[in-house]
């Protein structure tokens, strides 16, 4: 149990996508569209594009969109309430 806790603490969280599987990386061509090199720690965004974690992290410091399709990329833990019927703010009235 302690070993699992230590692994989860030491593992770096990806807040804007998930780590891609080898099958997904091979299907995408194994080259990062940003650095044009073999992918290191590939991250799959919600729009299904895959990039090196370091490259896409640097990109997200300037833009919050996918470098290829320009789709808006929101952090994974961010909840959105698009219909306006609820909010994250506690209301007293």
N, C-alpha and C. Protein backbone atom coordinates (compact mmCIF):
# COMPACT_ATOMS: atom_id res chain seq x y z
N UNK A 1 0.82 -1.19 0.00
CA UNK A 1 0.00 0.00 0.00
C UNK A 1 0.87 1.26 0.00
N UNK A 2 1.91 1.25 0.82
CA UNK A 2 2.80 2.40 0.89
C UNK A 2 3.49 2.63 -0.46
N UNK A 3 3.86 1.54 -1.13
CA UNK A 3 4.51 1.64 -2.43
C UNK A 3 3.58 2.31 -3.46
N UNK A 4 2.31 1.94 -3.45
CA UNK A 4 1.34 2.55 -4.37
C UNK A 4 1.17 4.04 -4.08
N UNK A 5 1.17 4.41 -2.82
CA UNK A 5 1.05 5.82 -2.46
C UNK A 5 2.25 6.61 -2.95
N UNK A 6 3.44 6.06 -2.77
CA UNK A 6 4.65 6.74 -3.22
C UNK A 6 4.68 6.89 -4.73
N UNK A 7 4.22 5.86 -5.45
CA UNK A 7 4.17 5.95 -6.91
C UNK A 7 3.21 7.04 -7.37
N UNK A 8 2.06 7.13 -6.72
CA UNK A 8 1.07 8.13 -7.13
C UNK A 8 1.54 9.54 -6.82
N UNK A 9 2.30 9.71 -5.74
CA UNK A 9 2.82 11.03 -5.39
C UNK A 9 3.91 11.44 -6.36
N UNK A 10 4.78 10.49 -6.72
CA UNK A 10 5.91 10.83 -7.59
C UNK A 10 5.52 10.96 -9.05
N UNK A 11 4.39 10.39 -9.46
CA UNK A 11 3.97 10.46 -10.86
C UNK A 11 3.49 11.86 -11.19
N UNK A 12 3.95 12.36 -12.30
CA UNK A 12 3.57 13.70 -12.75
C UNK A 12 2.17 13.64 -13.37
N UNK A 13 1.32 14.55 -12.95
CA UNK A 13 -0.04 14.61 -13.46
C UNK A 13 -0.08 15.38 -14.78
N UNK A 14 -0.91 14.91 -15.69
CA UNK A 14 -1.16 15.63 -16.94
C UNK A 14 -2.56 16.19 -16.83
N UNK A 15 -2.68 17.51 -16.85
CA UNK A 15 -3.96 18.15 -16.60
C UNK A 15 -4.74 18.47 -17.87
N UNK A 16 -4.17 18.27 -19.04
CA UNK A 16 -4.84 18.68 -20.27
C UNK A 16 -5.07 17.51 -21.22
N UNK A 17 -4.85 16.32 -20.79
CA UNK A 17 -5.05 15.13 -21.61
C UNK A 17 -4.63 13.90 -20.84
N UNK A 18 -4.41 12.82 -21.57
CA UNK A 18 -3.96 11.58 -20.95
C UNK A 18 -2.71 11.11 -21.69
N UNK A 19 -1.94 10.26 -21.03
CA UNK A 19 -0.79 9.70 -21.71
C UNK A 19 -1.27 8.73 -22.79
N UNK A 20 -0.70 8.84 -23.96
CA UNK A 20 -1.09 8.01 -25.10
C UNK A 20 -0.49 6.61 -24.98
N UNK A 21 -1.20 5.63 -25.49
CA UNK A 21 -0.69 4.26 -25.52
C UNK A 21 0.25 4.11 -26.71
N UNK A 22 1.02 3.05 -26.71
CA UNK A 22 1.94 2.80 -27.83
C UNK A 22 1.18 2.61 -29.14
N UNK A 23 0.00 1.99 -29.09
CA UNK A 23 -0.80 1.79 -30.29
C UNK A 23 -1.24 3.14 -30.87
N UNK A 24 -1.65 4.07 -29.99
CA UNK A 24 -2.06 5.38 -30.44
C UNK A 24 -0.89 6.16 -31.04
N UNK A 25 0.28 6.03 -30.41
CA UNK A 25 1.48 6.72 -30.89
C UNK A 25 1.89 6.17 -32.26
N UNK A 26 1.87 4.85 -32.40
CA UNK A 26 2.23 4.23 -33.68
C UNK A 26 1.26 4.62 -34.78
N UNK A 27 -0.03 4.70 -34.45
CA UNK A 27 -1.03 5.10 -35.44
C UNK A 27 -0.85 6.55 -35.87
N UNK A 28 -0.35 7.39 -34.96
CA UNK A 28 -0.14 8.81 -35.27
C UNK A 28 1.17 9.06 -36.00
N UNK A 29 2.05 8.07 -36.05
CA UNK A 29 3.29 8.23 -36.79
C UNK A 29 4.53 8.37 -35.94
N UNK A 30 4.40 8.46 -34.62
CA UNK A 30 5.52 8.52 -33.67
C UNK A 30 6.41 9.74 -33.83
N UNK A 31 5.95 10.77 -34.56
CA UNK A 31 6.68 12.03 -34.65
C UNK A 31 5.82 13.14 -34.07
N UNK A 32 6.41 13.95 -33.23
CA UNK A 32 5.72 15.09 -32.64
C UNK A 32 5.60 16.17 -33.70
N UNK A 33 4.41 16.72 -33.87
CA UNK A 33 4.19 17.77 -34.86
C UNK A 33 4.83 19.09 -34.45
N UNK A 34 5.19 19.23 -33.19
CA UNK A 34 5.81 20.48 -32.73
C UNK A 34 7.31 20.45 -32.93
N UNK A 35 7.98 19.41 -32.39
CA UNK A 35 9.44 19.37 -32.48
C UNK A 35 9.96 18.54 -33.65
N UNK A 36 9.07 17.79 -34.31
CA UNK A 36 9.41 16.96 -35.46
C UNK A 36 10.42 15.86 -35.12
N UNK A 37 10.40 15.39 -33.87
CA UNK A 37 11.26 14.30 -33.43
C UNK A 37 10.41 13.19 -32.85
N UNK A 38 11.04 12.07 -32.54
CA UNK A 38 10.35 10.94 -31.92
C UNK A 38 9.74 11.41 -30.60
N UNK A 39 8.50 11.00 -30.33
CA UNK A 39 7.77 11.48 -29.16
C UNK A 39 8.36 10.94 -27.86
N UNK A 40 8.45 11.84 -26.89
CA UNK A 40 8.87 11.49 -25.53
C UNK A 40 7.71 11.82 -24.61
N UNK A 41 7.25 10.84 -23.85
CA UNK A 41 6.09 10.99 -22.95
C UNK A 41 4.91 11.57 -23.72
N UNK A 42 4.41 10.85 -24.74
CA UNK A 42 3.33 11.38 -25.58
C UNK A 42 2.03 11.59 -24.81
N UNK A 43 1.38 12.72 -25.08
CA UNK A 43 0.12 13.09 -24.45
C UNK A 43 -0.96 13.18 -25.52
N UNK A 44 -2.08 12.52 -25.26
CA UNK A 44 -3.23 12.54 -26.15
C UNK A 44 -4.21 13.60 -25.67
N UNK A 45 -4.48 14.59 -26.50
CA UNK A 45 -5.44 15.64 -26.16
C UNK A 45 -6.85 15.17 -26.46
N UNK A 46 -7.84 15.91 -26.00
CA UNK A 46 -9.24 15.54 -26.24
C UNK A 46 -9.61 15.54 -27.72
N UNK A 47 -8.89 16.31 -28.52
CA UNK A 47 -9.15 16.37 -29.95
C UNK A 47 -8.48 15.21 -30.69
N UNK A 48 -7.82 14.31 -29.95
CA UNK A 48 -7.17 13.09 -30.46
C UNK A 48 -5.83 13.34 -31.13
N UNK A 49 -5.24 14.51 -30.98
CA UNK A 49 -3.89 14.76 -31.47
C UNK A 49 -2.89 14.43 -30.37
N UNK A 50 -1.72 13.94 -30.76
CA UNK A 50 -0.70 13.49 -29.81
C UNK A 50 0.57 14.31 -29.99
N UNK A 51 1.15 14.75 -28.87
CA UNK A 51 2.37 15.54 -28.86
C UNK A 51 3.25 15.10 -27.70
N UNK A 52 4.54 15.46 -27.75
CA UNK A 52 5.43 15.26 -26.61
C UNK A 52 4.88 16.09 -25.45
N UNK A 53 4.97 15.54 -24.25
CA UNK A 53 4.48 16.27 -23.09
C UNK A 53 5.21 17.61 -22.91
N UNK A 54 6.51 17.60 -23.07
CA UNK A 54 7.29 18.82 -22.91
C UNK A 54 6.92 19.87 -23.97
N UNK A 55 6.77 19.42 -25.20
CA UNK A 55 6.43 20.35 -26.30
C UNK A 55 5.06 20.98 -26.09
N UNK A 56 4.08 20.17 -25.78
CA UNK A 56 2.72 20.70 -25.64
C UNK A 56 2.60 21.53 -24.37
N UNK A 57 3.36 21.22 -23.33
CA UNK A 57 3.35 22.04 -22.12
C UNK A 57 3.89 23.43 -22.41
N UNK A 58 4.95 23.49 -23.19
CA UNK A 58 5.52 24.78 -23.59
C UNK A 58 4.53 25.55 -24.45
N UNK A 59 3.85 24.85 -25.36
CA UNK A 59 2.84 25.49 -26.21
C UNK A 59 1.72 26.08 -25.36
N UNK A 60 1.27 25.33 -24.33
CA UNK A 60 0.17 25.79 -23.49
C UNK A 60 0.54 26.97 -22.60
N UNK A 61 1.81 27.30 -22.49
CA UNK A 61 2.19 28.50 -21.76
C UNK A 61 1.77 29.75 -22.54
N UNK A 62 1.63 29.61 -23.86
CA UNK A 62 1.23 30.74 -24.71
C UNK A 62 -0.21 30.63 -25.19
N UNK A 63 -0.63 29.44 -25.55
CA UNK A 63 -1.95 29.20 -26.14
C UNK A 63 -2.65 28.08 -25.37
N UNK A 64 -3.97 28.10 -25.32
CA UNK A 64 -4.74 27.01 -24.73
C UNK A 64 -5.54 26.28 -25.80
N UNK A 65 -4.93 26.13 -26.97
CA UNK A 65 -5.56 25.43 -28.08
C UNK A 65 -4.62 24.33 -28.57
N UNK A 66 -5.18 23.39 -29.32
CA UNK A 66 -4.36 22.35 -29.94
C UNK A 66 -3.48 22.99 -31.01
N UNK A 67 -2.20 22.64 -31.06
CA UNK A 67 -1.32 23.22 -32.08
C UNK A 67 -1.72 22.88 -33.51
N UNK A 68 -2.44 21.79 -33.72
CA UNK A 68 -2.83 21.40 -35.09
C UNK A 68 -4.20 21.91 -35.50
N UNK A 69 -5.22 21.60 -34.70
CA UNK A 69 -6.58 21.93 -35.13
C UNK A 69 -7.16 23.17 -34.44
N UNK A 70 -6.42 23.73 -33.50
CA UNK A 70 -6.81 24.94 -32.76
C UNK A 70 -8.06 24.75 -31.90
N UNK A 71 -8.39 23.50 -31.58
CA UNK A 71 -9.51 23.24 -30.67
C UNK A 71 -9.13 23.71 -29.27
N UNK A 72 -10.08 24.28 -28.55
CA UNK A 72 -9.83 24.75 -27.19
C UNK A 72 -9.53 23.56 -26.29
N UNK A 73 -8.44 23.66 -25.54
CA UNK A 73 -8.04 22.59 -24.63
C UNK A 73 -8.19 23.10 -23.22
N UNK A 74 -9.08 22.45 -22.47
CA UNK A 74 -9.32 22.83 -21.08
C UNK A 74 -8.64 21.81 -20.18
N UNK A 75 -8.23 22.24 -18.99
CA UNK A 75 -7.65 21.29 -18.05
C UNK A 75 -8.65 20.18 -17.74
N UNK A 76 -8.16 18.97 -17.56
CA UNK A 76 -9.02 17.81 -17.36
C UNK A 76 -9.88 17.93 -16.11
N UNK A 77 -9.37 18.55 -15.05
CA UNK A 77 -10.12 18.63 -13.80
C UNK A 77 -11.10 19.79 -13.77
N UNK A 78 -11.09 20.65 -14.79
CA UNK A 78 -11.98 21.80 -14.82
C UNK A 78 -13.37 21.36 -15.26
N UNK A 79 -14.34 21.62 -14.41
CA UNK A 79 -15.72 21.30 -14.75
C UNK A 79 -16.35 22.51 -15.41
N UNK A 80 -17.11 22.25 -16.45
CA UNK A 80 -17.80 23.34 -17.12
C UNK A 80 -19.29 23.09 -17.05
N UNK A 81 -20.02 24.13 -16.83
CA UNK A 81 -21.46 24.06 -16.76
C UNK A 81 -22.00 24.94 -17.87
N UNK A 82 -22.04 24.40 -19.07
CA UNK A 82 -22.34 25.17 -20.26
C UNK A 82 -23.76 25.64 -20.41
N UNK A 83 -24.71 24.96 -19.76
CA UNK A 83 -26.09 25.35 -19.97
C UNK A 83 -26.52 26.50 -19.07
N UNK A 84 -25.69 26.89 -18.11
CA UNK A 84 -26.02 28.02 -17.25
C UNK A 84 -26.97 27.69 -16.12
N UNK A 85 -27.41 26.44 -16.01
CA UNK A 85 -28.37 26.09 -14.97
C UNK A 85 -27.70 25.90 -13.61
N UNK A 86 -26.41 25.66 -13.59
CA UNK A 86 -25.69 25.49 -12.33
C UNK A 86 -24.37 26.25 -12.41
N UNK A 87 -23.75 26.42 -11.29
CA UNK A 87 -22.46 27.10 -11.26
C UNK A 87 -21.60 26.49 -10.17
N UNK A 88 -20.32 26.82 -10.18
CA UNK A 88 -19.42 26.35 -9.14
C UNK A 88 -19.46 27.24 -7.90
N UNK A 89 -20.12 28.38 -7.99
CA UNK A 89 -20.19 29.33 -6.87
C UNK A 89 -21.40 29.01 -6.00
N UNK A 90 -21.16 28.95 -4.72
CA UNK A 90 -22.25 28.70 -3.77
C UNK A 90 -23.18 29.90 -3.76
N UNK A 91 -24.48 29.64 -3.86
CA UNK A 91 -25.45 30.73 -3.91
C UNK A 91 -26.31 30.69 -2.66
N UNK A 92 -26.55 31.86 -2.08
CA UNK A 92 -27.35 31.95 -0.86
C UNK A 92 -28.82 32.19 -1.13
N UNK A 93 -29.18 32.70 -2.26
CA UNK A 93 -30.58 33.01 -2.52
C UNK A 93 -31.17 32.11 -3.56
